[in-house]
């Protein structure tokens, strides 16, 4: 089934916002050939592709960027670029960063900070992120490092990632800081049952989509979101059409207009075919 312009609800160009982990990148941490080919063909057909990820810029593999994207939303909306131009950055205010650091240390949380110029964190969590997104290099990638001391000042923080020592503590954190920051459930593995992601108040993949649409003057375009996890929720709400991967969380599936196959079963490429992008 091909979904034409009438089904997608708007006329004009199509902009596709693409999550990375669990969407473009499979559970083996690679981009399937079918997904890479789908991106190349979709752009050749005149569609605009925007990488929209929780990863910060230093976490993006050159091989991933080499696929070719018209824009990049990184750090879950904290940074937005179009072509080679950096458009927006929305860091967490420094006073809040200091408050969060104290809270994390006082309560035994592991945490790390992500920015456009680097990644800083507790050694254990930093190494886990390294293995998850940069397995191509044996040592920590350039710009990544552990905290020099517990009170180290880090400016320009676009996003935080935390793991609480006990189940339920992530919810306690959300209740304490949820009105001051954007807090969503994280996507760490089962060894971290109480974890989450933090951006500045009002900042999300959805807010980045809306700002980019306004910047481009693309009111008549079709904005499509494809993703699988909780930090994609606001992107789905902001999009004209949402595609959930077969491995997506129940929340993302509930927000989607269409569900494709699992990421390990060529779900990404199948979605592009059903959307009529290729």
C-alpha atoms as a PDB file:
ATOM      1  CA  UNK A   1       0.000   0.000   0.000  1.00  0.00           C
ATOM      2  CA  UNK A   2       1.346   3.425  -0.978  1.00  0.00           C
ATOM      3  CA  UNK A   3       0.294   6.348   1.168  1.00  0.00           C
ATOM      4  CA  UNK A   4      -0.203   9.333  -1.134  1.00  0.00           C
ATOM      5  CA  UNK A   5      -0.368  13.040  -0.283  1.00  0.00           C
ATOM      6  CA  UNK A   6      -4.072  12.891   0.536  1.00  0.00           C
ATOM      7  CA  UNK A   7      -3.499  10.206   3.156  1.00  0.00           C
ATOM      8  CA  UNK A   8      -0.560  12.058   4.680  1.00  0.00           C
ATOM      9  CA  UNK A   9      -2.735  15.150   4.895  1.00  0.00           C
ATOM     10  CA  UNK A  10      -0.675  17.904   3.234  1.00  0.00           C
ATOM     11  CA  UNK A  11       0.622  18.939  -0.152  1.00  0.00           C
ATOM     12  CA  UNK A  12       4.157  19.846  -1.094  1.00  0.00           C
ATOM     13  CA  UNK A  13       7.489  18.432   0.058  1.00  0.00           C
ATOM     14  CA  UNK A  14       7.851  15.596   2.516  1.00  0.00           C
ATOM     15  CA  UNK A  15      10.255  15.902   5.460  1.00  0.00           C
ATOM     16  CA  UNK A  16      11.011  12.651   7.270  1.00  0.00           C
ATOM     17  CA  UNK A  17      12.404  12.861  10.827  1.00  0.00           C
ATOM     18  CA  UNK A  18      14.319   9.681  11.593  1.00  0.00           C
ATOM     19  CA  UNK A  19      15.278   8.337  15.010  1.00  0.00           C
ATOM     20  CA  UNK A  20      18.532   6.353  15.140  1.00  0.00           C
ATOM     21  CA  UNK A  21      18.691   3.619  17.786  1.00  0.00           C
ATOM     22  CA  UNK A  22      15.996   1.010  17.292  1.00  0.00           C
ATOM     23  CA  UNK A  23      14.822   2.710  14.096  1.00  0.00           C
ATOM     24  CA  UNK A  24      17.610   3.351  11.591  1.00  0.00           C
ATOM     25  CA  UNK A  25      20.187   1.322  13.553  1.00  0.00           C
ATOM     26  CA  UNK A  26      19.229  -2.256  14.411  1.00  0.00           C
ATOM     27  CA  UNK A  27      19.889  -4.321  17.533  1.00  0.00           C
ATOM     28  CA  UNK A  28      23.316  -5.308  16.144  1.00  0.00           C
ATOM     29  CA  UNK A  29      24.230  -1.574  16.221  1.00  0.00           C
ATOM     30  CA  UNK A  30      24.462  -1.258  12.437  1.00  0.00           C
ATOM     31  CA  UNK A  31      22.408   0.389   9.702  1.00  0.00           C
ATOM     32  CA  UNK A  32      20.953  -2.414   7.550  1.00  0.00           C
ATOM     33  CA  UNK A  33      21.725  -2.151   3.853  1.00  0.00           C
ATOM     34  CA  UNK A  34      17.992  -1.939   3.192  1.00  0.00           C
ATOM     35  CA  UNK A  35      17.683   1.130   5.426  1.00  0.00           C
ATOM     36  CA  UNK A  36      20.739   2.848   3.939  1.00  0.00           C
ATOM     37  CA  UNK A  37      19.418   2.218   0.439  1.00  0.00           C
ATOM     38  CA  UNK A  38      15.967   3.514   1.395  1.00  0.00           C
ATOM     39  CA  UNK A  39      17.449   6.808   2.627  1.00  0.00           C
ATOM     40  CA  UNK A  40      19.530   7.305  -0.524  1.00  0.00           C
ATOM     41  CA  UNK A  41      16.590   6.548  -2.806  1.00  0.00           C
ATOM     42  CA  UNK A  42      14.163   8.709  -0.831  1.00  0.00           C
ATOM     43  CA  UNK A  43      16.454  11.742  -1.105  1.00  0.00           C
ATOM     44  CA  UNK A  44      16.987  11.050  -4.805  1.00  0.00           C
ATOM     45  CA  UNK A  45      13.203  11.208  -5.158  1.00  0.00           C
ATOM     46  CA  UNK A  46      13.202  14.729  -3.703  1.00  0.00           C
ATOM     47  CA  UNK A  47      12.275  13.999  -0.092  1.00  0.00           C
ATOM     48  CA  UNK A  48      14.061  15.752   2.775  1.00  0.00           C
ATOM     49  CA  UNK A  49      15.545  13.578   5.517  1.00  0.00           C
ATOM     50  CA  UNK A  50      16.278  14.821   9.026  1.00  0.00           C
ATOM     51  CA  UNK A  51      18.191  12.720  11.527  1.00  0.00           C
ATOM     52  CA  UNK A  52      16.376  13.185  14.855  1.00  0.00           C
ATOM     53  CA  UNK A  53      18.200  11.528  17.711  1.00  0.00           C
ATOM     54  CA  UNK A  54      18.867  11.505  21.417  1.00  0.00           C
ATOM     55  CA  UNK A  55      22.566  11.263  20.615  1.00  0.00           C
ATOM     56  CA  UNK A  56      24.658  14.426  20.735  1.00  0.00           C
ATOM     57  CA  UNK A  57      26.850  15.411  17.790  1.00  0.00           C
ATOM     58  CA  UNK A  58      30.027  13.761  19.193  1.00  0.00           C
ATOM     59  CA  UNK A  59      28.104  10.475  19.355  1.00  0.00           C
ATOM     60  CA  UNK A  60      27.282  10.378  15.636  1.00  0.00           C
ATOM     61  CA  UNK A  61      29.395   7.995  13.594  1.00  0.00           C
ATOM     62  CA  UNK A  62      30.862   9.412  10.365  1.00  0.00           C
ATOM     63  CA  UNK A  63      29.579   6.299   8.604  1.00  0.00           C
ATOM     64  CA  UNK A  64      26.080   7.160   9.776  1.00  0.00           C
ATOM     65  CA  UNK A  65      26.232  10.771   8.618  1.00  0.00           C
ATOM     66  CA  UNK A  66      27.673   9.649   5.287  1.00  0.00           C
ATOM     67  CA  UNK A  67      24.250   8.255   4.365  1.00  0.00           C
ATOM     68  CA  UNK A  68      23.224  11.849   3.684  1.00  0.00           C
ATOM     69  CA  UNK A  69      20.752  13.975   5.636  1.00  0.00           C
ATOM     70  CA  UNK A  70      19.386  17.438   4.993  1.00  0.00           C
ATOM     71  CA  UNK A  71      19.242  18.313   8.680  1.00  0.00           C
ATOM     72  CA  UNK A  72      20.158  16.967  12.103  1.00  0.00           C
ATOM     73  CA  UNK A  73      18.249  17.239  15.381  1.00  0.00           C
ATOM     74  CA  UNK A  74      20.566  16.006  18.129  1.00  0.00           C
ATOM     75  CA  UNK A  75      20.467  15.704  21.931  1.00  0.00           C
ATOM     76  CA  UNK A  76      16.692  15.111  21.795  1.00  0.00           C
ATOM     77  CA  UNK A  77      16.034  18.559  20.365  1.00  0.00           C
ATOM     78  CA  UNK A  78      18.769  20.448  22.176  1.00  0.00           C
ATOM     79  CA  UNK A  79      20.570  21.201  18.908  1.00  0.00           C
ATOM     80  CA  UNK A  80      19.212  21.724  15.377  1.00  0.00           C
ATOM     81  CA  UNK A  81      21.147  22.148  12.146  1.00  0.00           C
ATOM     82  CA  UNK A  82      20.181  22.404   8.495  1.00  0.00           C
ATOM     83  CA  UNK A  83      22.782  21.555   5.912  1.00  0.00           C
ATOM     84  CA  UNK A  84      26.075  22.813   7.304  1.00  0.00           C
ATOM     85  CA  UNK A  85      24.427  25.589   9.332  1.00  0.00           C
ATOM     86  CA  UNK A  86      23.825  25.356  13.072  1.00  0.00           C
ATOM     87  CA  UNK A  87      20.381  26.906  13.656  1.00  0.00           C
ATOM     88  CA  UNK A  88      19.484  26.501  17.319  1.00  0.00           C
ATOM     89  CA  UNK A  89      20.920  25.290  20.602  1.00  0.00           C
ATOM     90  CA  UNK A  90      18.900  25.153  23.821  1.00  0.00           C
ATOM     91  CA  UNK A  91      21.197  24.260  26.729  1.00  0.00           C
ATOM     92  CA  UNK A  92      20.013  23.480  30.229  1.00  0.00           C
ATOM     93  CA  UNK A  93      20.583  26.647  32.316  1.00  0.00           C
ATOM     94  CA  UNK A  94      23.800  26.407  34.312  1.00  0.00           C
ATOM     95  CA  UNK A  95      22.051  27.004  37.624  1.00  0.00           C
ATOM     96  CA  UNK A  96      19.894  23.936  36.963  1.00  0.00           C
ATOM     97  CA  UNK A  97      22.925  21.873  35.952  1.00  0.00           C
ATOM     98  CA  UNK A  98      24.520  22.645  39.328  1.00  0.00           C
ATOM     99  CA  UNK A  99      21.319  21.730  41.182  1.00  0.00           C
ATOM    100  CA  UNK A 100      21.033  18.464  39.266  1.00  0.00           C
ATOM    101  CA  UNK A 101      24.657  17.545  39.944  1.00  0.00           C
ATOM    102  CA  UNK A 102      24.129  17.985  43.670  1.00  0.00           C
ATOM    103  CA  UNK A 103      20.919  15.959  43.596  1.00  0.00           C
ATOM    104  CA  UNK A 104      22.567  13.139  41.642  1.00  0.00           C
ATOM    105  CA  UNK A 105      25.583  12.965  43.944  1.00  0.00           C
ATOM    106  CA  UNK A 106      23.517  13.190  47.117  1.00  0.00           C
ATOM    107  CA  UNK A 107      21.244  10.366  45.960  1.00  0.00           C
ATOM    108  CA  UNK A 108      23.785   8.003  44.430  1.00  0.00           C
ATOM    109  CA  UNK A 109      22.778   8.460  40.776  1.00  0.00           C
ATOM    110  CA  UNK A 110      25.108   7.748  37.869  1.00  0.00           C
ATOM    111  CA  UNK A 111      24.845  10.431  35.215  1.00  0.00           C
ATOM    112  CA  UNK A 112      26.418  12.050  32.179  1.00  0.00           C
ATOM    113  CA  UNK A 113      26.100  15.292  30.219  1.00  0.00           C
ATOM    114  CA  UNK A 114      25.888  15.578  26.429  1.00  0.00           C
ATOM    115  CA  UNK A 115      26.807  18.696  24.454  1.00  0.00           C
ATOM    116  CA  UNK A 116      27.777  19.589  20.898  1.00  0.00           C
ATOM    117  CA  UNK A 117      31.440  19.753  21.906  1.00  0.00           C
ATOM    118  CA  UNK A 118      31.720  16.653  24.079  1.00  0.00           C
ATOM    119  CA  UNK A 119      30.322  14.055  26.463  1.00  0.00           C
ATOM    120  CA  UNK A 120      31.186  13.956  30.172  1.00  0.00           C
ATOM    121  CA  UNK A 121      30.097  11.388  32.718  1.00  0.00           C
ATOM    122  CA  UNK A 122      30.623   8.839  35.431  1.00  0.00           C
ATOM    123  CA  UNK A 123      33.009   6.165  34.185  1.00  0.00           C
ATOM    124  CA  UNK A 124      30.581   3.220  34.196  1.00  0.00           C
ATOM    125  CA  UNK A 125      27.727   4.975  32.420  1.00  0.00           C
ATOM    126  CA  UNK A 126      30.078   6.654  29.968  1.00  0.00           C
ATOM    127  CA  UNK A 127      31.562   3.319  28.962  1.00  0.00           C
ATOM    128  CA  UNK A 128      28.096   1.822  28.464  1.00  0.00           C
ATOM    129  CA  UNK A 129      27.147   4.695  26.175  1.00  0.00           C
ATOM    130  CA  UNK A 130      30.451   4.228  24.357  1.00  0.00           C
ATOM    131  CA  UNK A 131      29.713   0.562  23.674  1.00  0.00           C
ATOM    132  CA  UNK A 132      26.158   1.385  22.613  1.00  0.00           C
ATOM    133  CA  UNK A 133      26.877   4.126  20.085  1.00  0.00           C
ATOM    134  CA  UNK A 134      30.620   4.100  19.232  1.00  0.00           C
ATOM    135  CA  UNK A 135      31.733   0.442  19.213  1.00  0.00           C
ATOM    136  CA  UNK A 136      33.925   1.267  16.221  1.00  0.00           C
ATOM    137  CA  UNK A 137      36.618   2.734  18.474  1.00  0.00           C
ATOM    138  CA  UNK A 138      38.303   0.856  21.328  1.00  0.00           C
ATOM    139  CA  UNK A 139      39.032   3.838  23.561  1.00  0.00           C
ATOM    140  CA  UNK A 140      36.650   6.634  24.485  1.00  0.00           C
ATOM    141  CA  UNK A 141      36.073   8.769  21.377  1.00  0.00           C
ATOM    142  CA  UNK A 142      37.629  12.197  21.109  1.00  0.00           C
ATOM    143  CA  UNK A 143      35.706  14.716  23.195  1.00  0.00           C
ATOM    144  CA  UNK A 144      34.453  12.074  25.640  1.00  0.00           C
ATOM    145  CA  UNK A 145      35.828  11.891  29.186  1.00  0.00           C
ATOM    146  CA  UNK A 146      34.981  11.088  32.770  1.00  0.00           C
ATOM    147  CA  UNK A 147      34.351  13.885  35.240  1.00  0.00           C
ATOM    148  CA  UNK A 148      37.567  15.408  36.553  1.00  0.00           C
ATOM    149  CA  UNK A 149      35.963  15.774  40.013  1.00  0.00           C
ATOM    150  CA  UNK A 150      32.457  15.490  41.507  1.00  0.00           C
ATOM    151  CA  UNK A 151      31.887  19.253  41.318  1.00  0.00           C
ATOM    152  CA  UNK A 152      33.293  19.875  37.842  1.00  0.00           C
ATOM    153  CA  UNK A 153      31.521  22.727  36.039  1.00  0.00           C
ATOM    154  CA  UNK A 154      30.237  21.744  32.583  1.00  0.00           C
ATOM    155  CA  UNK A 155      28.628  24.478  30.502  1.00  0.00           C
ATOM    156  CA  UNK A 156      26.526  24.202  27.337  1.00  0.00           C
ATOM    157  CA  UNK A 157      24.832  20.999  28.549  1.00  0.00           C
ATOM    158  CA  UNK A 158      22.162  20.095  25.997  1.00  0.00           C
ATOM    159  CA  UNK A 159      20.998  16.830  27.513  1.00  0.00           C
ATOM    160  CA  UNK A 160      21.529  14.649  30.542  1.00  0.00           C
ATOM    161  CA  UNK A 161      21.207  10.913  31.045  1.00  0.00           C
ATOM    162  CA  UNK A 162      20.840   9.383  34.506  1.00  0.00           C
ATOM    163  CA  UNK A 163      20.533   6.010  36.178  1.00  0.00           C
ATOM    164  CA  UNK A 164      19.105   5.828  39.707  1.00  0.00           C
ATOM    165  CA  UNK A 165      20.340   3.257  42.240  1.00  0.00           C
ATOM    166  CA  UNK A 166      16.861   1.969  43.132  1.00  0.00           C
ATOM    167  CA  UNK A 167      13.637   1.247  41.193  1.00  0.00           C
ATOM    168  CA  UNK A 168      11.169   4.099  41.507  1.00  0.00           C
ATOM    169  CA  UNK A 169      13.768   6.791  42.012  1.00  0.00           C
ATOM    170  CA  UNK A 170      13.415   8.007  38.409  1.00  0.00           C
ATOM    171  CA  UNK A 171       9.755   8.757  39.132  1.00  0.00           C
ATOM    172  CA  UNK A 172      10.745  10.630  42.276  1.00  0.00           C
ATOM    173  CA  UNK A 173      13.167  12.649  40.177  1.00  0.00           C
ATOM    174  CA  UNK A 174      10.436  13.416  37.629  1.00  0.00           C
ATOM    175  CA  UNK A 175       8.096  14.599  40.384  1.00  0.00           C
ATOM    176  CA  UNK A 176      10.759  16.902  41.796  1.00  0.00           C
ATOM    177  CA  UNK A 177      12.096  18.383  38.547  1.00  0.00           C
ATOM    178  CA  UNK A 178       9.386  17.737  35.963  1.00  0.00           C
ATOM    179  CA  UNK A 179       8.034  21.281  36.088  1.00  0.00           C
ATOM    180  CA  UNK A 180      11.526  22.754  35.582  1.00  0.00           C
ATOM    181  CA  UNK A 181      12.889  20.438  32.882  1.00  0.00           C
ATOM    182  CA  UNK A 182      11.774  18.017  30.186  1.00  0.00           C
ATOM    183  CA  UNK A 183      12.189  14.531  31.658  1.00  0.00           C
ATOM    184  CA  UNK A 184      11.397  11.345  29.731  1.00  0.00           C
ATOM    185  CA  UNK A 185      11.964   7.672  30.418  1.00  0.00           C
ATOM    186  CA  UNK A 186      15.388   6.565  29.250  1.00  0.00           C
ATOM    187  CA  UNK A 187      16.307   3.639  27.042  1.00  0.00           C
ATOM    188  CA  UNK A 188      19.123   2.029  29.028  1.00  0.00           C
ATOM    189  CA  UNK A 189      19.144  -1.735  29.376  1.00  0.00           C
ATOM    190  CA  UNK A 190      17.648  -3.930  32.097  1.00  0.00           C
ATOM    191  CA  UNK A 191      20.651  -3.307  34.364  1.00  0.00           C
ATOM    192  CA  UNK A 192      19.291   0.238  34.815  1.00  0.00           C
ATOM    193  CA  UNK A 193      15.590  -0.195  35.675  1.00  0.00           C
ATOM    194  CA  UNK A 194      15.222   3.391  36.895  1.00  0.00           C
ATOM    195  CA  UNK A 195      16.659   5.835  34.377  1.00  0.00           C
ATOM    196  CA  UNK A 196      15.783   8.850  32.295  1.00  0.00           C
ATOM    197  CA  UNK A 197      16.791  11.643  29.945  1.00  0.00           C
ATOM    198  CA  UNK A 198      16.754  15.399  30.634  1.00  0.00           C
ATOM    199  CA  UNK A 199      16.611  18.455  28.392  1.00  0.00           C
ATOM    200  CA  UNK A 200      15.783  22.082  29.132  1.00  0.00           C
ATOM    201  CA  UNK A 201      12.132  22.900  29.820  1.00  0.00           C
ATOM    202  CA  UNK A 202      10.053  22.631  26.663  1.00  0.00           C
ATOM    203  CA  UNK A 203      12.890  21.143  24.608  1.00  0.00           C
ATOM    204  CA  UNK A 204      12.197  17.894  22.762  1.00  0.00           C
ATOM    205  CA  UNK A 205      12.384  16.352  19.333  1.00  0.00           C
ATOM    206  CA  UNK A 206       8.884  17.759  18.825  1.00  0.00           C
ATOM    207  CA  UNK A 207       9.861  21.333  19.685  1.00  0.00           C
ATOM    208  CA  UNK A 208      12.817  21.011  17.293  1.00  0.00           C
ATOM    209  CA  UNK A 209      10.500  19.817  14.516  1.00  0.00           C
ATOM    210  CA  UNK A 210       8.174  22.781  15.013  1.00  0.00           C
ATOM    211  CA  UNK A 211      11.060  25.279  15.071  1.00  0.00           C
ATOM    212  CA  UNK A 212      12.587  23.798  11.933  1.00  0.00           C
ATOM    213  CA  UNK A 213       9.251  23.860  10.139  1.00  0.00           C
ATOM    214  CA  UNK A 214       8.860  27.549  10.992  1.00  0.00           C
ATOM    215  CA  UNK A 215      12.455  28.359  10.017  1.00  0.00           C
ATOM    216  CA  UNK A 216      12.025  26.665   6.623  1.00  0.00           C
ATOM    217  CA  UNK A 217       8.605  28.212   6.017  1.00  0.00           C
ATOM    218  CA  UNK A 218       7.331  24.699   5.344  1.00  0.00           C
ATOM    219  CA  UNK A 219       3.727  25.047   6.500  1.00  0.00           C
ATOM    220  CA  UNK A 220       2.446  23.245   3.401  1.00  0.00           C
ATOM    221  CA  UNK A 221       4.915  20.370   3.631  1.00  0.00           C
ATOM    222  CA  UNK A 222       4.281  16.917   5.076  1.00  0.00           C
ATOM    223  CA  UNK A 223       6.256  16.207   8.242  1.00  0.00           C
ATOM    224  CA  UNK A 224       6.630  12.488   8.993  1.00  0.00           C
ATOM    225  CA  UNK A 225       8.159  10.988  12.149  1.00  0.00           C
ATOM    226  CA  UNK A 226       9.547   7.466  12.429  1.00  0.00           C
ATOM    227  CA  UNK A 227      10.759   6.135  15.776  1.00  0.00           C
ATOM    228  CA  UNK A 228      10.480   3.615  18.568  1.00  0.00           C
ATOM    229  CA  UNK A 229      11.094   5.045  22.051  1.00  0.00           C
ATOM    230  CA  UNK A 230       9.784   7.505  24.618  1.00  0.00           C
ATOM    231  CA  UNK A 231      11.898  10.456  23.515  1.00  0.00           C
ATOM    232  CA  UNK A 232      10.144  10.227  20.132  1.00  0.00           C
ATOM    233  CA  UNK A 233       6.709  10.912  21.632  1.00  0.00           C
ATOM    234  CA  UNK A 234       6.705  14.708  21.222  1.00  0.00           C
ATOM    235  CA  UNK A 235       8.049  14.307  17.686  1.00  0.00           C
ATOM    236  CA  UNK A 236       5.054  12.107  16.872  1.00  0.00           C
ATOM    237  CA  UNK A 237       2.691  14.674  18.375  1.00  0.00           C
ATOM    238  CA  UNK A 238       4.237  17.455  16.276  1.00  0.00           C
ATOM    239  CA  UNK A 239       4.283  15.473  13.020  1.00  0.00           C
ATOM    240  CA  UNK A 240       1.556  15.190  10.405  1.00  0.00           C
ATOM    241  CA  UNK A 241       2.067  11.439  10.277  1.00  0.00           C
ATOM    242  CA  UNK A 242       3.812   9.027  12.648  1.00  0.00           C
ATOM    243  CA  UNK A 243       5.334   5.618  11.908  1.00  0.00           C
ATOM    244  CA  UNK A 244       6.125   3.290  14.803  1.00  0.00           C
ATOM    245  CA  UNK A 245       8.701   0.558  14.407  1.00  0.00           C
ATOM    246  CA  UNK A 246       7.496  -2.955  15.213  1.00  0.00           C
ATOM    247  CA  UNK A 247       9.803  -2.878  18.242  1.00  0.00           C
ATOM    248  CA  UNK A 248       8.434   0.470  19.487  1.00  0.00           C
ATOM    249  CA  UNK A 249       7.171   1.029  23.024  1.00  0.00           C
ATOM    250  CA  UNK A 250       3.414   0.879  23.675  1.00  0.00           C
ATOM    251  CA  UNK A 251       3.296   4.683  23.994  1.00  0.00           C
ATOM    252  CA  UNK A 252       4.849   5.252  20.568  1.00  0.00           C
ATOM    253  CA  UNK A 253       2.564   2.670  18.970  1.00  0.00           C
ATOM    254  CA  UNK A 254      -0.440   4.409  20.506  1.00  0.00           C
ATOM    255  CA  UNK A 255       0.641   7.724  18.939  1.00  0.00           C
ATOM    256  CA  UNK A 256       1.413   6.295  15.503  1.00  0.00           C
ATOM    257  CA  UNK A 257      -0.678   6.401  12.351  1.00  0.00           C
ATOM    258  CA  UNK A 258       1.071   3.333  11.019  1.00  0.00           C
ATOM    259  CA  UNK A 259       3.150   0.475  12.432  1.00  0.00           C
ATOM    260  CA  UNK A 260       5.903  -1.118  10.372  1.00  0.00           C
ATOM    261  CA  UNK A 261       7.977  -4.242  10.999  1.00  0.00           C
ATOM    262  CA  UNK A 262      10.696  -4.760  13.616  1.00  0.00           C
ATOM    263  CA  UNK A 263      13.974  -2.922  13.050  1.00  0.00           C
ATOM    264  CA  UNK A 264      15.709  -6.297  12.553  1.00  0.00           C
ATOM    265  CA  UNK A 265      13.172  -7.284   9.880  1.00  0.00           C
ATOM    266  CA  UNK A 266      13.773  -4.385   7.467  1.00  0.00           C
ATOM    267  CA  UNK A 267      11.008  -2.386   9.129  1.00  0.00           C
ATOM    268  CA  UNK A 268      12.607   0.924   8.210  1.00  0.00           C
ATOM    269  CA  UNK A 269      12.762   0.190   4.479  1.00  0.00           C
ATOM    270  CA  UNK A 270       9.270  -1.311   4.527  1.00  0.00           C
ATOM    271  CA  UNK A 271       7.943   1.925   6.048  1.00  0.00           C
ATOM    272  CA  UNK A 272       9.538   4.034   3.302  1.00  0.00           C
ATOM    273  CA  UNK A 273       7.922   1.827   0.669  1.00  0.00           C
ATOM    274  CA  UNK A 274       4.492   2.041   2.289  1.00  0.00           C
ATOM    275  CA  UNK A 275       4.824   5.815   2.565  1.00  0.00           C
ATOM    276  CA  UNK A 276       5.568   6.057  -1.160  1.00  0.00           C
ATOM    277  CA  UNK A 277       8.972   7.641  -0.538  1.00  0.00           C
ATOM    278  CA  UNK A 278      10.763   4.984  -2.623  1.00  0.00           C
END
